[in-house]
Amino acid sequence: MNPWALNKHESVKLMVLLLQQRLGDHALDLSPHQGLGTQAIRLASATEPSLTAYLFSYGQADGRYGVHLEYPQTDGPDIGSSQDVYENLSVDVLADMLRVHFGVPAQATCAGAA
């Protein structure tokens, strides 16, 4: 998906573009979900749609991003939060976290680089 076609703030469009460069164009599915506002987006795993991440630029320093790493519900008693929250991350740190969270192979990080 073309990030510039999203109805989102430029900071989010840039974040998506940079993540696509680092993780590969098809590593993640964009889910722009109406109602998230213009400075947030939800990404899903290309192979496990219930594994998601909520990314945002509001309340962050310029060029920094926040993320909620969201995990699928389990069939047991709820023993706590089903997400990990991090703020003021550089795009490189964010890409590394998403690579681990979504299980994106390391070789996919070279996609788009020439």
PDB file of N, CA and C in Angstrom:
ATOM      1  N   MET A   1       0.844  -1.179   0.000  1.00  0.00           N
ATOM      2  CA  MET A   1       0.000   0.000   0.000  1.00  0.00           C
ATOM      3  C   MET A   1       0.886   1.238   0.000  1.00  0.00           C
ATOM      4  N   ASN A   2       0.438   2.239  -0.704  1.00  0.00           N
ATOM      5  CA  ASN A   2       1.148   3.504  -0.762  1.00  0.00           C
ATOM      6  C   ASN A   2       0.832   4.313   0.493  1.00  0.00           C
ATOM      7  N   PRO A   3       1.810   4.536   1.378  1.00  0.00           N
ATOM      8  CA  PRO A   3       1.533   5.260   2.619  1.00  0.00           C
ATOM      9  C   PRO A   3       1.025   6.675   2.377  1.00  0.00           C
ATOM     10  N   TRP A   4       1.429   7.289   1.256  1.00  0.00           N
ATOM     11  CA  TRP A   4       1.004   8.657   0.981  1.00  0.00           C
ATOM     12  C   TRP A   4      -0.478   8.722   0.628  1.00  0.00           C
ATOM     13  N   ALA A   5      -1.095   7.585   0.307  1.00  0.00           N
ATOM     14  CA  ALA A   5      -2.528   7.550   0.000  1.00  0.00           C
ATOM     15  C   ALA A   5      -3.379   7.431   1.268  1.00  0.00           C
ATOM     16  N   LEU A   6      -2.758   7.179   2.407  1.00  0.00           N
ATOM     17  CA  LEU A   6      -3.496   7.063   3.661  1.00  0.00           C
ATOM     18  C   LEU A   6      -4.018   8.424   4.115  1.00  0.00           C
ATOM     19  N   ASN A   7      -5.166   8.436   4.734  1.00  0.00           N
ATOM     20  CA  ASN A   7      -5.724   9.662   5.303  1.00  0.00           C
ATOM     21  C   ASN A   7      -5.160   9.822   6.722  1.00  0.00           C
ATOM     22  N   LYS A   8      -3.860  10.049   6.783  1.00  0.00           N
ATOM     23  CA  LYS A   8      -3.138  10.144   8.058  1.00  0.00           C
ATOM     24  C   LYS A   8      -2.210  11.350   8.040  1.00  0.00           C
ATOM     25  N   HIS A   9      -1.789  11.763   9.219  1.00  0.00           N
ATOM     26  CA  HIS A   9      -0.821  12.843   9.395  1.00  0.00           C
ATOM     27  C   HIS A   9       0.485  12.463   8.693  1.00  0.00           C
ATOM     28  N   GLU A  10       1.209  13.459   8.204  1.00  0.00           N
ATOM     29  CA  GLU A  10       2.458  13.191   7.496  1.00  0.00           C
ATOM     30  C   GLU A  10       3.462  12.413   8.333  1.00  0.00           C
ATOM     31  N   SER A  11       3.468  12.605   9.647  1.00  0.00           N
ATOM     32  CA  SER A  11       4.401  11.866  10.510  1.00  0.00           C
ATOM     33  C   SER A  11       4.126  10.362  10.449  1.00  0.00           C
ATOM     34  N   VAL A  12       2.857   9.974  10.349  1.00  0.00           N
ATOM     35  CA  VAL A  12       2.490   8.552  10.261  1.00  0.00           C
ATOM     36  C   VAL A  12       2.816   8.015   8.867  1.00  0.00           C
ATOM     37  N   LYS A  13       2.544   8.792   7.854  1.00  0.00           N
ATOM     38  CA  LYS A  13       2.874   8.370   6.487  1.00  0.00           C
ATOM     39  C   LYS A  13       4.372   8.119   6.353  1.00  0.00           C
ATOM     40  N   LEU A  14       5.172   9.044   6.893  1.00  0.00           N
ATOM     41  CA  LEU A  14       6.626   8.883   6.842  1.00  0.00           C
ATOM     42  C   LEU A  14       7.056   7.641   7.622  1.00  0.00           C
ATOM     43  N   MET A  15       6.471   7.430   8.801  1.00  0.00           N
ATOM     44  CA  MET A  15       6.804   6.262   9.612  1.00  0.00           C
ATOM     45  C   MET A  15       6.535   4.977   8.830  1.00  0.00           C
ATOM     46  N   VAL A  16       5.371   4.889   8.186  1.00  0.00           N
ATOM     47  CA  VAL A  16       5.019   3.691   7.419  1.00  0.00           C
ATOM     48  C   VAL A  16       6.004   3.486   6.275  1.00  0.00           C
ATOM     49  N   LEU A  17       6.341   4.538   5.575  1.00  0.00           N
ATOM     50  CA  LEU A  17       7.292   4.448   4.469  1.00  0.00           C
ATOM     51  C   LEU A  17       8.651   3.942   4.966  1.00  0.00           C
ATOM     52  N   LEU A  18       9.140   4.497   6.061  1.00  0.00           N
ATOM     53  CA  LEU A  18      10.426   4.076   6.616  1.00  0.00           C
ATOM     54  C   LEU A  18      10.386   2.625   7.098  1.00  0.00           C
ATOM     55  N   LEU A  19       9.270   2.219   7.688  1.00  0.00           N
ATOM     56  CA  LEU A  19       9.138   0.827   8.131  1.00  0.00           C
ATOM     57  C   LEU A  19       9.102  -0.123   6.940  1.00  0.00           C
ATOM     58  N   GLN A  20       8.432   0.263   5.871  1.00  0.00           N
ATOM     59  CA  GLN A  20       8.408  -0.575   4.666  1.00  0.00           C
ATOM     60  C   GLN A  20       9.820  -0.748   4.117  1.00  0.00           C
ATOM     61  N   GLN A  21      10.623   0.304   4.149  1.00  0.00           N
ATOM     62  CA  GLN A  21      12.003   0.220   3.669  1.00  0.00           C
ATOM     63  C   GLN A  21      12.825  -0.736   4.524  1.00  0.00           C
ATOM     64  N   ARG A  22      12.578  -0.735   5.836  1.00  0.00           N
ATOM     65  CA  ARG A  22      13.377  -1.554   6.748  1.00  0.00           C
ATOM     66  C   ARG A  22      12.872  -2.988   6.875  1.00  0.00           C
ATOM     67  N   LEU A  23      11.568  -3.193   6.746  1.00  0.00           N
ATOM     68  CA  LEU A  23      10.989  -4.520   6.967  1.00  0.00           C
ATOM     69  C   LEU A  23      10.550  -5.214   5.681  1.00  0.00           C
ATOM     70  N   GLY A  24      10.439  -4.483   4.600  1.00  0.00           N
ATOM     71  CA  GLY A  24       9.957  -5.035   3.338  1.00  0.00           C
ATOM     72  C   GLY A  24       8.519  -4.609   3.090  1.00  0.00           C
ATOM     73  N   ASP A  25       8.189  -4.458   1.828  1.00  0.00           N
ATOM     74  CA  ASP A  25       6.867  -3.955   1.448  1.00  0.00           C
ATOM     75  C   ASP A  25       5.722  -4.863   1.874  1.00  0.00           C
ATOM     76  N   HIS A  26       5.967  -6.165   1.954  1.00  0.00           N
ATOM     77  CA  HIS A  26       4.876  -7.106   2.209  1.00  0.00           C
ATOM     78  C   HIS A  26       4.989  -7.812   3.560  1.00  0.00           C
ATOM     79  N   ALA A  27       5.838  -7.315   4.432  1.00  0.00           N
ATOM     80  CA  ALA A  27       6.037  -7.955   5.732  1.00  0.00           C
ATOM     81  C   ALA A  27       4.848  -7.736   6.668  1.00  0.00           C
ATOM     82  N   LEU A  28       4.158  -6.606   6.503  1.00  0.00           N
ATOM     83  CA  LEU A  28       3.064  -6.239   7.397  1.00  0.00           C
ATOM     84  C   LEU A  28       1.874  -5.770   6.585  1.00  0.00           C
ATOM     85  N   ASP A  29       0.694  -5.938   7.150  1.00  0.00           N
ATOM     86  CA  ASP A  29      -0.520  -5.417   6.532  1.00  0.00           C
ATOM     87  C   ASP A  29      -0.914  -4.133   7.246  1.00  0.00           C
ATOM     88  N   LEU A  30      -1.198  -3.114   6.478  1.00  0.00           N
ATOM     89  CA  LEU A  30      -1.679  -1.857   7.040  1.00  0.00           C
ATOM     90  C   LEU A  30      -3.175  -1.957   7.273  1.00  0.00           C
ATOM     91  N   SER A  31      -3.600  -1.570   8.437  1.00  0.00           N
ATOM     92  CA  SER A  31      -5.019  -1.538   8.769  1.00  0.00           C
ATOM     93  C   SER A  31      -5.334  -0.142   9.277  1.00  0.00           C
ATOM     94  N   PRO A  32      -5.697   0.780   8.385  1.00  0.00           N
ATOM     95  CA  PRO A  32      -5.871   2.165   8.810  1.00  0.00           C
ATOM     96  C   PRO A  32      -7.033   2.411   9.761  1.00  0.00           C
ATOM     97  N   HIS A  33      -7.886   1.449  10.008  1.00  0.00           N
ATOM     98  CA  HIS A  33      -8.997   1.551  10.977  1.00  0.00           C
ATOM     99  C   HIS A  33      -9.499   2.967  11.205  1.00  0.00           C
ATOM    100  N   GLN A  34     -10.653   3.237  10.717  1.00  0.00           N
ATOM    101  CA  GLN A  34     -11.277   4.536  10.971  1.00  0.00           C
ATOM    102  C   GLN A  34     -11.483   4.683  12.477  1.00  0.00           C
ATOM    103  N   GLY A  35     -11.389   5.879  12.962  1.00  0.00           N
ATOM    104  CA  GLY A  35     -11.582   6.130  14.384  1.00  0.00           C
ATOM    105  C   GLY A  35     -10.298   6.155  15.193  1.00  0.00           C
ATOM    106  N   LEU A  36      -9.165   5.813  14.588  1.00  0.00           N
ATOM    107  CA  LEU A  36      -7.890   5.867  15.315  1.00  0.00           C
ATOM    108  C   LEU A  36      -7.305   7.265  15.335  1.00  0.00           C
ATOM    109  N   GLY A  37      -7.812   8.142  14.532  1.00  0.00           N
ATOM    110  CA  GLY A  37      -7.253   9.477  14.421  1.00  0.00           C
ATOM    111  C   GLY A  37      -6.198   9.511  13.342  1.00  0.00           C
ATOM    112  N   THR A  38      -5.737  10.710  13.042  1.00  0.00           N
ATOM    113  CA  THR A  38      -4.786  10.857  11.941  1.00  0.00           C
ATOM    114  C   THR A  38      -3.340  10.578  12.335  1.00  0.00           C
ATOM    115  N   GLN A  39      -3.054  10.485  13.639  1.00  0.00           N
ATOM    116  CA  GLN A  39      -1.672  10.271  14.069  1.00  0.00           C
ATOM    117  C   GLN A  39      -1.451   8.877  14.650  1.00  0.00           C
ATOM    118  N   ALA A  40      -2.281   7.924  14.217  1.00  0.00           N
ATOM    119  CA  ALA A  40      -2.125   6.546  14.688  1.00  0.00           C
ATOM    120  C   ALA A  40      -2.534   5.587  13.576  1.00  0.00           C
ATOM    121  N   ILE A  41      -1.969   4.394  13.631  1.00  0.00           N
ATOM    122  CA  ILE A  41      -2.290   3.352  12.668  1.00  0.00           C
ATOM    123  C   ILE A  41      -2.083   2.008  13.349  1.00  0.00           C
ATOM    124  N   ARG A  42      -2.770   1.006  12.865  1.00  0.00           N
ATOM    125  CA  ARG A  42      -2.586  -0.347  13.392  1.00  0.00           C
ATOM    126  C   ARG A  42      -2.024  -1.205  12.264  1.00  0.00           C
ATOM    127  N   LEU A  43      -0.971  -1.939  12.574  1.00  0.00           N
ATOM    128  CA  LEU A  43      -0.369  -2.889  11.638  1.00  0.00           C
ATOM    129  C   LEU A  43      -0.677  -4.287  12.112  1.00  0.00           C
ATOM    130  N   ALA A  44      -0.781  -5.205  11.174  1.00  0.00           N
ATOM    131  CA  ALA A  44      -1.019  -6.611  11.503  1.00  0.00           C
ATOM    132  C   ALA A  44       0.038  -7.468  10.831  1.00  0.00           C
ATOM    133  N   SER A  45       0.297  -8.607  11.425  1.00  0.00           N
ATOM    134  CA  SER A  45       1.225  -9.562  10.835  1.00  0.00           C
ATOM    135  C   SER A  45       0.652 -10.056   9.514  1.00  0.00           C
ATOM    136  N   ALA A  46       1.498 -10.186   8.504  1.00  0.00           N
ATOM    137  CA  ALA A  46       1.053 -10.693   7.211  1.00  0.00           C
ATOM    138  C   ALA A  46       0.657 -12.163   7.305  1.00  0.00           C
ATOM    139  N   THR A  47       1.178 -12.871   8.300  1.00  0.00           N
ATOM    140  CA  THR A  47       0.879 -14.298   8.421  1.00  0.00           C
ATOM    141  C   THR A  47      -0.045 -14.633   9.588  1.00  0.00           C
ATOM    142  N   GLU A  48      -0.160 -13.748  10.578  1.00  0.00           N
ATOM    143  CA  GLU A  48      -1.001 -13.968  11.760  1.00  0.00           C
ATOM    144  C   GLU A  48      -1.779 -12.687  12.046  1.00  0.00           C
ATOM    145  N   PRO A  49      -2.952 -12.504  11.405  1.00  0.00           N
ATOM    146  CA  PRO A  49      -3.686 -11.236  11.512  1.00  0.00           C
ATOM    147  C   PRO A  49      -4.091 -10.838  12.933  1.00  0.00           C
ATOM    148  N   SER A  50      -4.148 -11.768  13.863  1.00  0.00           N
ATOM    149  CA  SER A  50      -4.519 -11.405  15.236  1.00  0.00           C
ATOM    150  C   SER A  50      -3.342 -10.817  16.019  1.00  0.00           C
ATOM    151  N   LEU A  51      -2.159 -10.861  15.460  1.00  0.00           N
ATOM    152  CA  LEU A  51      -0.967 -10.257  16.065  1.00  0.00           C
ATOM    153  C   LEU A  51      -0.830  -8.858  15.468  1.00  0.00           C
ATOM    154  N   THR A  52      -1.014  -7.830  16.299  1.00  0.00           N
ATOM    155  CA  THR A  52      -1.065  -6.463  15.794  1.00  0.00           C
ATOM    156  C   THR A  52      -0.146  -5.541  16.594  1.00  0.00           C
ATOM    157  N   ALA A  53       0.017  -4.337  16.063  1.00  0.00           N
ATOM    158  CA  ALA A  53       0.761  -3.282  16.751  1.00  0.00           C
ATOM    159  C   ALA A  53       0.066  -1.961  16.435  1.00  0.00           C
ATOM    160  N   TYR A  54      -0.162  -1.176  17.470  1.00  0.00           N
ATOM    161  CA  TYR A  54      -0.747   0.156  17.362  1.00  0.00           C
ATOM    162  C   TYR A  54       0.400   1.141  17.419  1.00  0.00           C
ATOM    163  N   LEU A  55       0.608   1.890  16.353  1.00  0.00           N
ATOM    164  CA  LEU A  55       1.711   2.845  16.264  1.00  0.00           C
ATOM    165  C   LEU A  55       1.151   4.251  16.243  1.00  0.00           C
ATOM    166  N   PHE A  56       1.875   5.185  16.875  1.00  0.00           N
ATOM    167  CA  PHE A  56       1.370   6.548  16.947  1.00  0.00           C
ATOM    168  C   PHE A  56       2.512   7.548  17.015  1.00  0.00           C
ATOM    169  N   SER A  57       2.191   8.773  16.568  1.00  0.00           N
ATOM    170  CA  SER A  57       3.177   9.845  16.622  1.00  0.00           C
ATOM    171  C   SER A  57       2.754  10.968  17.573  1.00  0.00           C
ATOM    172  N   TYR A  58       1.500  10.967  18.009  1.00  0.00           N
ATOM    173  CA  TYR A  58       1.048  12.026  18.914  1.00  0.00           C
ATOM    174  C   TYR A  58       1.739  11.899  20.272  1.00  0.00           C
ATOM    175  N   GLY A  59       2.088  13.050  20.849  1.00  0.00           N
ATOM    176  CA  GLY A  59       2.735  13.070  22.160  1.00  0.00           C
ATOM    177  C   GLY A  59       4.182  12.611  22.148  1.00  0.00           C
ATOM    178  N   GLN A  60       4.776  12.446  20.976  1.00  0.00           N
ATOM    179  CA  GLN A  60       6.148  11.977  20.866  1.00  0.00           C
ATOM    180  C   GLN A  60       7.030  13.121  20.371  1.00  0.00           C
ATOM    181  N   ALA A  61       8.313  13.040  20.650  1.00  0.00           N
ATOM    182  CA  ALA A  61       9.268  14.026  20.126  1.00  0.00           C
ATOM    183  C   ALA A  61       9.303  13.915  18.605  1.00  0.00           C
ATOM    184  N   ASP A  62       9.739  14.969  17.936  1.00  0.00           N
ATOM    185  CA  ASP A  62       9.837  14.948  16.475  1.00  0.00           C
ATOM    186  C   ASP A  62      10.698  13.780  16.018  1.00  0.00           C
ATOM    187  N   GLY A  63      10.201  13.043  15.035  1.00  0.00           N
ATOM    188  CA  GLY A  63      10.942  11.907  14.503  1.00  0.00           C
ATOM    189  C   GLY A  63      10.930  10.685  15.401  1.00  0.00           C
ATOM    190  N   ARG A  64      10.098  10.695  16.422  1.00  0.00           N
ATOM    191  CA  ARG A  64       9.990   9.570  17.362  1.00  0.00           C
ATOM    192  C   ARG A  64       8.561   9.037  17.339  1.00  0.00           C
ATOM    193  N   TYR A  65       8.415   7.771  17.746  1.00  0.00           N
ATOM    194  CA  TYR A  65       7.123   7.108  17.647  1.00  0.00           C
ATOM    195  C   TYR A  65       6.851   6.265  18.890  1.00  0.00           C
ATOM    196  N   GLY A  66       5.578   6.023  19.124  1.00  0.00           N
ATOM    197  CA  GLY A  66       5.155   5.137  20.198  1.00  0.00           C
ATOM    198  C   GLY A  66       4.527   3.896  19.594  1.00  0.00           C
ATOM    199  N   VAL A  67       4.528   2.808  20.359  1.00  0.00           N
ATOM    200  CA  VAL A  67       3.950   1.557  19.870  1.00  0.00           C
ATOM    201  C   VAL A  67       3.350   0.775  21.029  1.00  0.00           C
ATOM    202  N   HIS A  68       2.217   0.163  20.770  1.00  0.00           N
ATOM    203  CA  HIS A  68       1.628  -0.837  21.655  1.00  0.00           C
ATOM    204  C   HIS A  68       1.740  -2.153  20.900  1.00  0.00           C
ATOM    205  N   LEU A  69       2.580  -3.058  21.363  1.00  0.00           N
ATOM    206  CA  LEU A  69       2.681  -4.385  20.766  1.00  0.00           C
ATOM    207  C   LEU A  69       1.531  -5.216  21.334  1.00  0.00           C
ATOM    208  N   GLU A  70       0.607  -5.601  20.471  1.00  0.00           N
ATOM    209  CA  GLU A  70      -0.631  -6.265  20.911  1.00  0.00           C
ATOM    210  C   GLU A  70      -0.573  -7.757  20.591  1.00  0.00           C
ATOM    211  N   TYR A  71      -1.015  -8.561  21.541  1.00  0.00           N
ATOM    212  CA  TYR A  71      -0.942 -10.006  21.422  1.00  0.00           C
ATOM    213  C   TYR A  71      -2.339 -10.599  21.342  1.00  0.00           C
ATOM    214  N   PRO A  72      -2.496 -11.738  20.649  1.00  0.00           N
ATOM    215  CA  PRO A  72      -3.811 -12.379  20.562  1.00  0.00           C
ATOM    216  C   PRO A  72      -4.303 -12.825  21.932  1.00  0.00           C
ATOM    217  N   GLN A  73      -5.613 -12.834  22.098  1.00  0.00           N
ATOM    218  CA  GLN A  73      -6.210 -13.334  23.336  1.00  0.00           C
ATOM    219  C   GLN A  73      -5.932 -14.826  23.465  1.00  0.00           C
ATOM    220  N   THR A  74      -5.733 -15.276  24.684  1.00  0.00           N
ATOM    221  CA  THR A  74      -5.513 -16.697  24.936  1.00  0.00           C
ATOM    222  C   THR A  74      -6.759 -17.292  25.587  1.00  0.00           C
ATOM    223  N   ASP A  75      -6.817 -18.605  25.632  1.00  0.00           N
ATOM    224  CA  ASP A  75      -7.977 -19.297  26.192  1.00  0.00           C
ATOM    225  C   ASP A  75      -7.879 -19.506  27.688  1.00  0.00           C
ATOM    226  N   GLY A  76      -7.064 -18.824  28.381  1.00  0.00           N
ATOM    227  CA  GLY A  76      -6.934 -19.002  29.823  1.00  0.00           C
ATOM    228  C   GLY A  76      -7.422 -17.791  30.565  1.00  0.00           C
ATOM    229  N   PRO A  77      -7.285 -17.823  31.876  1.00  0.00           N
ATOM    230  CA  PRO A  77      -7.659 -16.645  32.660  1.00  0.00           C
ATOM    231  C   PRO A  77      -6.754 -15.463  32.316  1.00  0.00           C
ATOM    232  N   ASP A  78      -7.317 -14.300  32.308  1.00  0.00           N
ATOM    233  CA  ASP A  78      -6.553 -13.093  31.991  1.00  0.00           C
ATOM    234  C   ASP A  78      -5.635 -12.784  33.170  1.00  0.00           C
ATOM    235  N   ILE A  79      -4.332 -12.852  32.933  1.00  0.00           N
ATOM    236  CA  ILE A  79      -3.389 -12.627  34.030  1.00  0.00           C
ATOM    237  C   ILE A  79      -2.688 -11.282  33.909  1.00  0.00           C
ATOM    238  N   GLY A  80      -3.160 -10.436  33.029  1.00  0.00           N
ATOM    239  CA  GLY A  80      -2.542  -9.124  32.892  1.00  0.00           C
ATOM    240  C   GLY A  80      -2.768  -8.552  31.514  1.00  0.00           C
ATOM    241  N   SER A  81      -2.016  -7.536  31.207  1.00  0.00           N
ATOM    242  CA  SER A  81      -2.153  -6.827  29.952  1.00  0.00           C
ATOM    243  C   SER A  81      -1.767  -7.712  28.771  1.00  0.00           C
ATOM    244  N   SER A  82      -2.452  -7.499  27.654  1.00  0.00           N
ATOM    245  CA  SER A  82      -2.114  -8.237  26.441  1.00  0.00           C
ATOM    246  C   SER A  82      -1.347  -7.332  25.482  1.00  0.00           C
ATOM    247  N   GLN A  83      -0.618  -6.379  26.033  1.00  0.00           N
ATOM    248  CA  GLN A  83       0.180  -5.495  25.198  1.00  0.00           C
ATOM    249  C   GLN A  83       1.394  -4.974  25.966  1.00  0.00           C
ATOM    250  N   ASP A  84       2.408  -4.624  25.201  1.00  0.00           N
ATOM    251  CA  ASP A  84       3.595  -3.950  25.732  1.00  0.00           C
ATOM    252  C   ASP A  84       3.616  -2.556  25.117  1.00  0.00           C
ATOM    253  N   VAL A  85       3.917  -1.532  25.906  1.00  0.00           N
ATOM    254  CA  VAL A  85       3.866  -0.150  25.447  1.00  0.00           C
ATOM    255  C   VAL A  85       5.253   0.481  25.534  1.00  0.00           C
ATOM    256  N   TYR A  86       5.656   1.151  24.445  1.00  0.00           N
ATOM    257  CA  TYR A  86       6.938   1.843  24.380  1.00  0.00           C
ATOM    258  C   TYR A  86       6.718   3.199  23.716  1.00  0.00           C
ATOM    259  N   GLU A  87       7.471   4.209  24.145  1.00  0.00           N
ATOM    260  CA  GLU A  87       7.309   5.547  23.582  1.00  0.00           C
ATOM    261  C   GLU A  87       8.649   6.171  23.236  1.00  0.00           C
ATOM    262  N   ASN A  88       8.576   7.210  22.395  1.00  0.00           N
ATOM    263  CA  ASN A  88       9.726   7.992  21.945  1.00  0.00           C
ATOM    264  C   ASN A  88      10.837   7.128  21.359  1.00  0.00           C
ATOM    265  N   LEU A  89      10.445   6.233  20.459  1.00  0.00           N
ATOM    266  CA  LEU A  89      11.387   5.334  19.793  1.00  0.00           C
ATOM    267  C   LEU A  89      11.826   5.915  18.460  1.00  0.00           C
ATOM    268  N   SER A  90      13.086   5.734  18.124  1.00  0.00           N
ATOM    269  CA  SER A  90      13.541   6.077  16.772  1.00  0.00           C
ATOM    270  C   SER A  90      12.941   5.060  15.810  1.00  0.00           C
ATOM    271  N   VAL A  91      12.919   5.379  14.537  1.00  0.00           N
ATOM    272  CA  VAL A  91      12.344   4.447  13.568  1.00  0.00           C
ATOM    273  C   VAL A  91      13.180   3.169  13.484  1.00  0.00           C
ATOM    274  N   ASP A  92      14.487   3.253  13.708  1.00  0.00           N
ATOM    275  CA  ASP A  92      15.322   2.050  13.675  1.00  0.00           C
ATOM    276  C   ASP A  92      14.980   1.104  14.830  1.00  0.00           C
ATOM    277  N   VAL A  93      14.827   1.653  16.031  1.00  0.00           N
ATOM    278  CA  VAL A  93      14.460   0.825  17.187  1.00  0.00           C
ATOM    279  C   VAL A  93      13.051   0.263  16.986  1.00  0.00           C
ATOM    280  N   LEU A  94      12.136   1.102  16.492  1.00  0.00           N
ATOM    281  CA  LEU A  94      10.769   0.646  16.227  1.00  0.00           C
ATOM    282  C   LEU A  94      10.768  -0.493  15.214  1.00  0.00           C
ATOM    283  N   ALA A  95      11.530  -0.371  14.140  1.00  0.00           N
ATOM    284  CA  ALA A  95      11.601  -1.429  13.127  1.00  0.00           C
ATOM    285  C   ALA A  95      12.135  -2.726  13.729  1.00  0.00           C
ATOM    286  N   ASP A  96      13.164  -2.635  14.569  1.00  0.00           N
ATOM    287  CA  ASP A  96      13.705  -3.836  15.219  1.00  0.00           C
ATOM    288  C   ASP A  96      12.667  -4.493  16.121  1.00  0.00           C
ATOM    289  N   MET A  97      11.909  -3.684  16.868  1.00  0.00           N
ATOM    290  CA  MET A  97      10.872  -4.239  17.747  1.00  0.00           C
ATOM    291  C   MET A  97       9.787  -4.927  16.933  1.00  0.00           C
ATOM    292  N   LEU A  98       9.372  -4.296  15.838  1.00  0.00           N
ATOM    293  CA  LEU A  98       8.332  -4.879  14.992  1.00  0.00           C
ATOM    294  C   LEU A  98       8.829  -6.145  14.299  1.00  0.00           C
ATOM    295  N   ARG A  99      10.110  -6.167  13.916  1.00  0.00           N
ATOM    296  CA  ARG A  99      10.683  -7.363  13.291  1.00  0.00           C
ATOM    297  C   ARG A  99      10.573  -8.557  14.235  1.00  0.00           C
ATOM    298  N   VAL A 100      10.891  -8.340  15.500  1.00  0.00           N
ATOM    299  CA  VAL A 100      10.799  -9.414  16.490  1.00  0.00           C
ATOM    300  C   VAL A 100       9.332  -9.755  16.773  1.00  0.00           C
ATOM    301  N   HIS A 101       8.513  -8.743  16.996  1.00  0.00           N
ATOM    302  CA  HIS A 101       7.095  -8.947  17.337  1.00  0.00           C
ATOM    303  C   HIS A 101       6.365  -9.741  16.256  1.00  0.00           C
ATOM    304  N   PHE A 102       6.623  -9.399  14.991  1.00  0.00           N
ATOM    305  CA  PHE A 102       5.915 -10.032  13.880  1.00  0.00           C
ATOM    306  C   PHE A 102       6.677 -11.195  13.255  1.00  0.00           C
ATOM    307  N   GLY A 103       7.894 -11.457  13.721  1.00  0.00           N
ATOM    308  CA  GLY A 103       8.674 -12.569  13.172  1.00  0.00           C
ATOM    309  C   GLY A 103       9.102 -12.344  11.734  1.00  0.00           C
ATOM    310  N   VAL A 104       9.468 -11.107  11.405  1.00  0.00           N
ATOM    311  CA  VAL A 104       9.915 -10.788  10.053  1.00  0.00           C
ATOM    312  C   VAL A 104      11.372 -11.235   9.904  1.00  0.00           C
ATOM    313  N   PRO A 105      11.665 -12.039   8.900  1.00  0.00           N
ATOM    314  CA  PRO A 105      13.052 -12.510   8.716  1.00  0.00           C
ATOM    315  C   PRO A 105      14.014 -11.347   8.510  1.00  0.00           C
ATOM    316  N   ALA A 106      15.215 -11.470   9.024  1.00  0.00           N
ATOM    317  CA  ALA A 106      16.219 -10.410   8.936  1.00  0.00           C
ATOM    318  C   ALA A 106      16.527 -10.036   7.501  1.00  0.00           C
ATOM    319  N   GLN A 107      16.528 -10.992   6.567  1.00  0.00           N
ATOM    320  CA  GLN A 107      16.854 -10.663   5.174  1.00  0.00           C
ATOM    321  C   GLN A 107      15.808  -9.750   4.555  1.00  0.00           C
ATOM    322  N   ALA A 108      14.602  -9.692   5.118  1.00  0.00           N
ATOM    323  CA  ALA A 108      13.566  -8.807   4.578  1.00  0.00           C
ATOM    324  C   ALA A 108      13.910  -7.348   4.831  1.00  0.00           C
ATOM    325  N   THR A 109      14.833  -7.070   5.730  1.00  0.00           N
ATOM    326  CA  THR A 109      15.170  -5.693   6.046  1.00  0.00           C
ATOM    327  C   THR A 109      15.880  -4.995   4.896  1.00  0.00           C
ATOM    328  N   CYS A 110      16.415  -5.763   3.957  1.00  0.00           N
ATOM    329  CA  CYS A 110      17.123  -5.168   2.821  1.00  0.00           C
ATOM    330  C   CYS A 110      16.184  -4.845   1.672  1.00  0.00           C
ATOM    331  N   ALA A 111      14.919  -5.184   1.774  1.00  0.00           N
ATOM    332  CA  ALA A 111      13.970  -4.934   0.693  1.00  0.00           C
ATOM    333  C   ALA A 111      13.914  -3.446   0.399  1.00  0.00           C
ATOM    334  N   GLY A 112      13.987  -3.125  -0.869  1.00  0.00           N
ATOM    335  CA  GLY A 112      13.882  -1.733  -1.266  1.00  0.00           C
ATOM    336  C   GLY A 112      15.201  -0.988  -1.231  1.00  0.00           C
ATOM    337  N   ALA A 113      16.205  -1.558  -0.624  1.00  0.00           N
ATOM    338  CA  ALA A 113      17.511  -0.881  -0.550  1.00  0.00           C
ATOM    339  C   ALA A 113      18.328  -1.251  -1.779  1.00  0.00           C
ATOM    340  N   ALA A 114      18.989  -0.281  -2.335  1.00  0.00           N
ATOM    341  CA  ALA A 114      19.838  -0.576  -3.484  1.00  0.00           C
ATOM    342  C   ALA A 114      21.047   0.342  -3.476  1.00  0.00           C
TER     343      ALA A 114
END
